[in-house]
């Protein structure tokens, strides 16, 4: 009986193995995973990263000749600029000792007499020049006359006047000291004009002042000697 039951169970199991299984419900479909890989800039197409550049360290070391030592002067060194005061060189037509400077008025222009005009004993001469414009109340034309010595035996003599006019009559009394003796003969008297500002008077009552105009050219006239012991 037990053997028969075993055979029946074996036959049933064999039958189930050869039969086609009935379809069942399909399991749910798995949603696929999408993995996004973000490439790092600079690594596309490179298998290995570039080696890191070693930083450069620059150390400025002064040379021995530039530390606390002034380089010697050479032919290529910048030249030293010297400031020199320039003065005018006196000429035959300009009073000596005049400097180049700035003045309020220009030089007057001498008109008459021409160089070499003779002036006799007890004679007179009229000096004429062109004006430089209207002068202030304390400004004058300084007319200077000068007889320089011709030798060591002669004496220098000079005199001047202040005037507002552009002419001046040099009379005999003013000219008398300029004439030499008969033995000394004729001599030249130089004259020139400039503008001055009167500042006062000297102990003899003659006006004194300061130059505010350039001197004119220098001219001369010739005076005859005084006769005898006059």
C-alpha atoms as a PDB file:
ATOM      1  CA  UNK A   1       0.000   0.000   0.000  1.00  0.00           C
ATOM      2  CA  UNK A   2       2.727   2.345   0.929  1.00  0.00           C
ATOM      3  CA  UNK A   3       4.589   1.321  -2.231  1.00  0.00           C
ATOM      4  CA  UNK A   4       1.525   2.090  -4.305  1.00  0.00           C
ATOM      5  CA  UNK A   5       1.080   5.465  -2.735  1.00  0.00           C
ATOM      6  CA  UNK A   6       4.685   6.309  -3.407  1.00  0.00           C
ATOM      7  CA  UNK A   7       4.358   5.389  -7.066  1.00  0.00           C
ATOM      8  CA  UNK A   8       1.241   7.552  -7.415  1.00  0.00           C
ATOM      9  CA  UNK A   9       3.038  10.559  -5.914  1.00  0.00           C
ATOM     10  CA  UNK A  10       6.076   9.981  -8.154  1.00  0.00           C
ATOM     11  CA  UNK A  11       3.895   9.817 -11.243  1.00  0.00           C
ATOM     12  CA  UNK A  12       2.179  13.059 -10.276  1.00  0.00           C
ATOM     13  CA  UNK A  13       5.466  14.864  -9.724  1.00  0.00           C
ATOM     14  CA  UNK A  14       6.817  13.712 -13.055  1.00  0.00           C
ATOM     15  CA  UNK A  15       3.664  14.941 -14.748  1.00  0.00           C
ATOM     16  CA  UNK A  16       3.946  18.348 -13.283  1.00  0.00           C
ATOM     17  CA  UNK A  17       7.533  18.726 -14.470  1.00  0.00           C
ATOM     18  CA  UNK A  18       6.666  18.107 -18.143  1.00  0.00           C
ATOM     19  CA  UNK A  19       3.665  20.390 -18.336  1.00  0.00           C
ATOM     20  CA  UNK A  20       3.785  24.081 -19.509  1.00  0.00           C
ATOM     21  CA  UNK A  21       3.488  26.523 -16.635  1.00  0.00           C
ATOM     22  CA  UNK A  22       0.605  28.926 -16.686  1.00  0.00           C
ATOM     23  CA  UNK A  23       1.491  32.648 -17.155  1.00  0.00           C
ATOM     24  CA  UNK A  24       1.395  34.840 -14.108  1.00  0.00           C
ATOM     25  CA  UNK A  25       1.488  38.629 -13.538  1.00  0.00           C
ATOM     26  CA  UNK A  26       4.871  40.166 -14.597  1.00  0.00           C
ATOM     27  CA  UNK A  27       6.863  41.840 -11.858  1.00  0.00           C
ATOM     28  CA  UNK A  28       7.050  45.664 -12.036  1.00  0.00           C
ATOM     29  CA  UNK A  29       9.742  47.152 -14.412  1.00  0.00           C
ATOM     30  CA  UNK A  30      12.712  48.752 -12.596  1.00  0.00           C
ATOM     31  CA  UNK A  31      13.193  52.509 -13.436  1.00  0.00           C
ATOM     32  CA  UNK A  32      16.702  52.845 -14.958  1.00  0.00           C
ATOM     33  CA  UNK A  33      19.304  54.933 -13.100  1.00  0.00           C
ATOM     34  CA  UNK A  34      20.850  57.832 -15.068  1.00  0.00           C
ATOM     35  CA  UNK A  35      24.272  58.801 -13.777  1.00  0.00           C
ATOM     36  CA  UNK A  36      25.553  62.227 -15.009  1.00  0.00           C
ATOM     37  CA  UNK A  37      29.273  62.641 -14.767  1.00  0.00           C
ATOM     38  CA  UNK A  38      30.356  66.332 -14.876  1.00  0.00           C
ATOM     39  CA  UNK A  39      33.764  66.778 -16.429  1.00  0.00           C
ATOM     40  CA  UNK A  40      36.130  69.165 -14.595  1.00  0.00           C
ATOM     41  CA  UNK A  41      37.290  72.062 -16.839  1.00  0.00           C
ATOM     42  CA  UNK A  42      40.826  71.699 -17.967  1.00  0.00           C
ATOM     43  CA  UNK A  43      40.851  67.928 -17.644  1.00  0.00           C
ATOM     44  CA  UNK A  44      39.148  67.070 -20.927  1.00  0.00           C
ATOM     45  CA  UNK A  45      41.595  65.278 -23.148  1.00  0.00           C
ATOM     46  CA  UNK A  46      44.262  65.272 -20.454  1.00  0.00           C
ATOM     47  CA  UNK A  47      45.285  62.038 -18.918  1.00  0.00           C
ATOM     48  CA  UNK A  48      47.286  63.619 -16.165  1.00  0.00           C
ATOM     49  CA  UNK A  49      47.148  67.116 -14.621  1.00  0.00           C
ATOM     50  CA  UNK A  50      49.979  69.451 -15.524  1.00  0.00           C
ATOM     51  CA  UNK A  51      52.680  69.737 -12.958  1.00  0.00           C
ATOM     52  CA  UNK A  52      52.401  72.762 -10.652  1.00  0.00           C
ATOM     53  CA  UNK A  53      54.825  75.573 -11.599  1.00  0.00           C
ATOM     54  CA  UNK A  54      57.307  76.251  -8.870  1.00  0.00           C
ATOM     55  CA  UNK A  55      57.021  80.015  -7.976  1.00  0.00           C
ATOM     56  CA  UNK A  56      60.012  82.207  -8.796  1.00  0.00           C
ATOM     57  CA  UNK A  57      61.471  84.229  -5.931  1.00  0.00           C
ATOM     58  CA  UNK A  58      63.537  87.239  -7.097  1.00  0.00           C
ATOM     59  CA  UNK A  59      65.884  88.747  -4.533  1.00  0.00           C
ATOM     60  CA  UNK A  60      67.415  92.139  -5.497  1.00  0.00           C
ATOM     61  CA  UNK A  61      70.978  92.128  -4.233  1.00  0.00           C
ATOM     62  CA  UNK A  62      72.801  95.540  -4.438  1.00  0.00           C
ATOM     63  CA  UNK A  63      76.155  95.438  -6.093  1.00  0.00           C
ATOM     64  CA  UNK A  64      79.166  96.446  -3.986  1.00  0.00           C
ATOM     65  CA  UNK A  65      79.790  99.590  -6.058  1.00  0.00           C
ATOM     66  CA  UNK A  66      76.277 101.009  -5.441  1.00  0.00           C
ATOM     67  CA  UNK A  67      76.051 100.526  -1.675  1.00  0.00           C
ATOM     68  CA  UNK A  68      77.163 103.634   0.209  1.00  0.00           C
ATOM     69  CA  UNK A  69      79.601 104.616  -2.538  1.00  0.00           C
ATOM     70  CA  UNK A  70      79.166 107.601  -4.855  1.00  0.00           C
ATOM     71  CA  UNK A  71      80.278 106.724  -8.375  1.00  0.00           C
ATOM     72  CA  UNK A  72      83.183 108.797  -9.664  1.00  0.00           C
ATOM     73  CA  UNK A  73      82.499 111.543 -12.193  1.00  0.00           C
ATOM     74  CA  UNK A  74      83.034 110.471 -15.774  1.00  0.00           C
ATOM     75  CA  UNK A  75      83.019 112.155 -19.151  1.00  0.00           C
ATOM     76  CA  UNK A  76      79.353 111.155 -19.603  1.00  0.00           C
ATOM     77  CA  UNK A  77      78.154 112.712 -16.337  1.00  0.00           C
ATOM     78  CA  UNK A  78      75.613 115.525 -16.592  1.00  0.00           C
ATOM     79  CA  UNK A  79      77.439 118.871 -16.828  1.00  0.00           C
ATOM     80  CA  UNK A  80      77.125 121.323 -13.951  1.00  0.00           C
ATOM     81  CA  UNK A  81      75.185 124.449 -14.930  1.00  0.00           C
ATOM     82  CA  UNK A  82      76.869 127.592 -13.644  1.00  0.00           C
ATOM     83  CA  UNK A  83      74.814 130.732 -13.154  1.00  0.00           C
ATOM     84  CA  UNK A  84      76.780 133.814 -14.119  1.00  0.00           C
ATOM     85  CA  UNK A  85      75.665 137.419 -13.723  1.00  0.00           C
ATOM     86  CA  UNK A  86      75.994 139.134 -17.067  1.00  0.00           C
ATOM     87  CA  UNK A  87      77.019 142.760 -17.179  1.00  0.00           C
ATOM     88  CA  UNK A  88      77.263 145.079 -20.091  1.00  0.00           C
ATOM     89  CA  UNK A  89      80.692 145.929 -21.418  1.00  0.00           C
ATOM     90  CA  UNK A  90      81.131 149.708 -21.655  1.00  0.00           C
ATOM     91  CA  UNK A  91      81.672 150.952 -25.193  1.00  0.00           C
ATOM     92  CA  UNK A  92      82.778 154.250 -26.656  1.00  0.00           C
ATOM     93  CA  UNK A  93      79.146 155.370 -26.834  1.00  0.00           C
ATOM     94  CA  UNK A  94      78.035 154.168 -23.396  1.00  0.00           C
ATOM     95  CA  UNK A  95      78.976 155.445 -19.913  1.00  0.00           C
ATOM     96  CA  UNK A  96      81.398 153.076 -18.224  1.00  0.00           C
ATOM     97  CA  UNK A  97      80.308 150.995 -15.252  1.00  0.00           C
ATOM     98  CA  UNK A  98      76.689 150.516 -16.367  1.00  0.00           C
ATOM     99  CA  UNK A  99      75.099 147.127 -15.713  1.00  0.00           C
ATOM    100  CA  UNK A 100      72.447 145.269 -17.630  1.00  0.00           C
ATOM    101  CA  UNK A 101      69.277 145.742 -15.562  1.00  0.00           C
ATOM    102  CA  UNK A 102      65.594 146.543 -15.869  1.00  0.00           C
ATOM    103  CA  UNK A 103      64.655 150.228 -15.937  1.00  0.00           C
ATOM    104  CA  UNK A 104      61.383 152.121 -16.049  1.00  0.00           C
ATOM    105  CA  UNK A 105      62.489 154.231 -19.022  1.00  0.00           C
ATOM    106  CA  UNK A 106      64.500 153.468 -22.160  1.00  0.00           C
ATOM    107  CA  UNK A 107      67.589 155.336 -23.285  1.00  0.00           C
ATOM    108  CA  UNK A 108      67.061 158.894 -24.550  1.00  0.00           C
ATOM    109  CA  UNK A 109      68.271 159.497 -28.106  1.00  0.00           C
ATOM    110  CA  UNK A 110      70.886 162.249 -28.483  1.00  0.00           C
ATOM    111  CA  UNK A 111      70.249 164.660 -31.347  1.00  0.00           C
ATOM    112  CA  UNK A 112      72.695 167.596 -31.191  1.00  0.00           C
ATOM    113  CA  UNK A 113      75.503 168.552 -31.300  1.00  0.00           C
ATOM    114  CA  UNK A 114      77.341 165.968 -33.381  1.00  0.00           C
ATOM    115  CA  UNK A 115      80.632 164.554 -32.172  1.00  0.00           C
ATOM    116  CA  UNK A 116      83.581 166.956 -32.350  1.00  0.00           C
ATOM    117  CA  UNK A 117      81.604 170.239 -32.351  1.00  0.00           C
ATOM    118  CA  UNK A 118      84.125 172.968 -31.289  1.00  0.00           C
ATOM    119  CA  UNK A 119      83.180 175.316 -28.444  1.00  0.00           C
ATOM    120  CA  UNK A 120      85.359 178.401 -27.926  1.00  0.00           C
ATOM    121  CA  UNK A 121      86.399 180.050 -24.709  1.00  0.00           C
ATOM    122  CA  UNK A 122      83.387 181.786 -23.163  1.00  0.00           C
ATOM    123  CA  UNK A 123      81.231 179.995 -25.742  1.00  0.00           C
ATOM    124  CA  UNK A 124      77.993 178.064 -25.129  1.00  0.00           C
ATOM    125  CA  UNK A 125      76.510 174.845 -26.472  1.00  0.00           C
ATOM    126  CA  UNK A 126      72.926 173.585 -26.543  1.00  0.00           C
ATOM    127  CA  UNK A 127      72.442 169.873 -25.899  1.00  0.00           C
ATOM    128  CA  UNK A 128      69.377 168.274 -27.508  1.00  0.00           C
ATOM    129  CA  UNK A 129      67.840 164.770 -27.093  1.00  0.00           C
ATOM    130  CA  UNK A 130      64.534 163.020 -27.691  1.00  0.00           C
ATOM    131  CA  UNK A 131      62.318 162.478 -24.660  1.00  0.00           C
ATOM    132  CA  UNK A 132      61.134 159.128 -23.310  1.00  0.00           C
ATOM    133  CA  UNK A 133      57.605 160.210 -22.383  1.00  0.00           C
ATOM    134  CA  UNK A 134      55.924 162.155 -19.603  1.00  0.00           C
ATOM    135  CA  UNK A 135      57.934 162.162 -16.379  1.00  0.00           C
ATOM    136  CA  UNK A 136      56.489 162.028 -12.869  1.00  0.00           C
ATOM    137  CA  UNK A 137      56.851 164.990 -10.495  1.00  0.00           C
ATOM    138  CA  UNK A 138      59.999 163.579  -8.886  1.00  0.00           C
ATOM    139  CA  UNK A 139      61.590 162.336 -12.146  1.00  0.00           C
ATOM    140  CA  UNK A 140      64.160 164.289 -14.182  1.00  0.00           C
ATOM    141  CA  UNK A 141      66.603 164.055 -17.043  1.00  0.00           C
ATOM    142  CA  UNK A 142      70.101 163.798 -15.626  1.00  0.00           C
ATOM    143  CA  UNK A 143      72.493 165.524 -18.079  1.00  0.00           C
ATOM    144  CA  UNK A 144      76.058 164.599 -17.268  1.00  0.00           C
ATOM    145  CA  UNK A 145      79.252 166.212 -18.647  1.00  0.00           C
ATOM    146  CA  UNK A 146      82.641 164.631 -18.114  1.00  0.00           C
ATOM    147  CA  UNK A 147      86.221 165.584 -18.982  1.00  0.00           C
ATOM    148  CA  UNK A 148      88.414 162.525 -18.407  1.00  0.00           C
ATOM    149  CA  UNK A 149      92.160 163.124 -17.972  1.00  0.00           C
ATOM    150  CA  UNK A 150      94.314 162.484 -21.032  1.00  0.00           C
ATOM    151  CA  UNK A 151      97.436 161.857 -18.969  1.00  0.00           C
ATOM    152  CA  UNK A 152      98.554 161.574 -15.362  1.00  0.00           C
ATOM    153  CA  UNK A 153      99.264 165.300 -15.307  1.00  0.00           C
ATOM    154  CA  UNK A 154      95.640 166.265 -15.954  1.00  0.00           C
ATOM    155  CA  UNK A 155      92.752 166.252 -13.521  1.00  0.00           C
ATOM    156  CA  UNK A 156      89.352 164.692 -14.038  1.00  0.00           C
ATOM    157  CA  UNK A 157      86.403 167.022 -13.964  1.00  0.00           C
ATOM    158  CA  UNK A 158      82.661 166.423 -14.302  1.00  0.00           C
ATOM    159  CA  UNK A 159      79.332 168.052 -13.493  1.00  0.00           C
ATOM    160  CA  UNK A 160      75.646 167.489 -14.117  1.00  0.00           C
ATOM    161  CA  UNK A 161      72.223 169.123 -14.091  1.00  0.00           C
ATOM    162  CA  UNK A 162      68.623 167.947 -13.529  1.00  0.00           C
ATOM    163  CA  UNK A 163      65.989 169.172 -15.982  1.00  0.00           C
ATOM    164  CA  UNK A 164      62.462 168.409 -17.113  1.00  0.00           C
ATOM    165  CA  UNK A 165      63.185 169.635 -20.633  1.00  0.00           C
ATOM    166  CA  UNK A 166      64.673 167.757 -23.591  1.00  0.00           C
ATOM    167  CA  UNK A 167      67.210 170.520 -24.269  1.00  0.00           C
ATOM    168  CA  UNK A 168      69.763 172.204 -22.067  1.00  0.00           C
ATOM    169  CA  UNK A 169      71.851 175.315 -22.715  1.00  0.00           C
ATOM    170  CA  UNK A 170      75.328 174.854 -21.281  1.00  0.00           C
ATOM    171  CA  UNK A 171      76.437 178.428 -20.612  1.00  0.00           C
ATOM    172  CA  UNK A 172      79.942 179.838 -20.211  1.00  0.00           C
ATOM    173  CA  UNK A 173      79.946 179.742 -16.417  1.00  0.00           C
ATOM    174  CA  UNK A 174      79.103 176.052 -16.421  1.00  0.00           C
ATOM    175  CA  UNK A 175      81.693 175.252 -19.122  1.00  0.00           C
ATOM    176  CA  UNK A 176      84.550 177.333 -17.697  1.00  0.00           C
ATOM    177  CA  UNK A 177      86.014 174.581 -15.477  1.00  0.00           C
ATOM    178  CA  UNK A 178      86.069 172.182 -18.441  1.00  0.00           C
ATOM    179  CA  UNK A 179      88.518 174.345 -20.459  1.00  0.00           C
ATOM    180  CA  UNK A 180      92.179 173.517 -20.013  1.00  0.00           C
ATOM    181  CA  UNK A 181      94.978 176.071 -19.970  1.00  0.00           C
ATOM    182  CA  UNK A 182      96.641 177.353 -23.094  1.00  0.00           C
ATOM    183  CA  UNK A 183      99.586 175.032 -22.486  1.00  0.00           C
ATOM    184  CA  UNK A 184      97.336 171.983 -22.256  1.00  0.00           C
ATOM    185  CA  UNK A 185      95.347 172.856 -25.352  1.00  0.00           C
ATOM    186  CA  UNK A 186      92.004 171.612 -26.528  1.00  0.00           C
ATOM    187  CA  UNK A 187      90.108 168.765 -24.874  1.00  0.00           C
ATOM    188  CA  UNK A 188      86.979 166.682 -25.374  1.00  0.00           C
ATOM    189  CA  UNK A 189      83.970 166.925 -23.074  1.00  0.00           C
ATOM    190  CA  UNK A 190      81.695 163.851 -23.112  1.00  0.00           C
ATOM    191  CA  UNK A 191      77.984 164.055 -22.356  1.00  0.00           C
ATOM    192  CA  UNK A 192      75.044 161.664 -22.001  1.00  0.00           C
ATOM    193  CA  UNK A 193      71.504 161.672 -20.588  1.00  0.00           C
ATOM    194  CA  UNK A 194      69.412 159.281 -18.462  1.00  0.00           C
ATOM    195  CA  UNK A 195      66.232 159.514 -16.349  1.00  0.00           C
ATOM    196  CA  UNK A 196      66.520 159.612 -12.549  1.00  0.00           C
ATOM    197  CA  UNK A 197      64.193 159.903  -9.589  1.00  0.00           C
ATOM    198  CA  UNK A 198      65.172 162.716  -7.247  1.00  0.00           C
ATOM    199  CA  UNK A 199      65.653 161.607  -3.648  1.00  0.00           C
ATOM    200  CA  UNK A 200      67.132 164.736  -2.079  1.00  0.00           C
ATOM    201  CA  UNK A 201      70.026 167.214  -2.215  1.00  0.00           C
ATOM    202  CA  UNK A 202      73.683 167.034  -1.209  1.00  0.00           C
ATOM    203  CA  UNK A 203      75.519 169.395   1.147  1.00  0.00           C
ATOM    204  CA  UNK A 204      76.017 171.871  -1.709  1.00  0.00           C
ATOM    205  CA  UNK A 205      72.343 171.948  -2.637  1.00  0.00           C
ATOM    206  CA  UNK A 206      72.724 169.907  -5.828  1.00  0.00           C
ATOM    207  CA  UNK A 207      69.943 167.376  -6.466  1.00  0.00           C
ATOM    208  CA  UNK A 208      70.711 163.673  -6.023  1.00  0.00           C
ATOM    209  CA  UNK A 209      68.711 160.634  -7.041  1.00  0.00           C
ATOM    210  CA  UNK A 210      68.642 157.084  -8.356  1.00  0.00           C
ATOM    211  CA  UNK A 211      68.693 155.876 -11.948  1.00  0.00           C
ATOM    212  CA  UNK A 212      65.342 154.710 -13.330  1.00  0.00           C
ATOM    213  CA  UNK A 213      66.278 154.872 -17.025  1.00  0.00           C
ATOM    214  CA  UNK A 214      68.955 153.418 -19.266  1.00  0.00           C
ATOM    215  CA  UNK A 215      71.790 155.800 -20.200  1.00  0.00           C
ATOM    216  CA  UNK A 216      71.972 157.175 -23.696  1.00  0.00           C
ATOM    217  CA  UNK A 217      74.935 156.853 -25.987  1.00  0.00           C
ATOM    218  CA  UNK A 218      77.942 158.988 -25.119  1.00  0.00           C
ATOM    219  CA  UNK A 219      78.882 161.907 -27.366  1.00  0.00           C
ATOM    220  CA  UNK A 220      81.543 164.601 -27.100  1.00  0.00           C
ATOM    221  CA  UNK A 221      82.251 168.185 -28.127  1.00  0.00           C
ATOM    222  CA  UNK A 222      85.630 169.899 -28.138  1.00  0.00           C
ATOM    223  CA  UNK A 223      86.367 172.926 -25.995  1.00  0.00           C
ATOM    224  CA  UNK A 224      89.148 175.411 -26.798  1.00  0.00           C
ATOM    225  CA  UNK A 225      91.742 176.254 -24.130  1.00  0.00           C
ATOM    226  CA  UNK A 226      91.304 179.316 -21.986  1.00  0.00           C
ATOM    227  CA  UNK A 227      93.800 182.076 -22.809  1.00  0.00           C
ATOM    228  CA  UNK A 228      96.542 183.019 -20.364  1.00  0.00           C
ATOM    229  CA  UNK A 229      95.685 182.779 -16.695  1.00  0.00           C
ATOM    230  CA  UNK A 230      91.994 183.505 -17.183  1.00  0.00           C
END
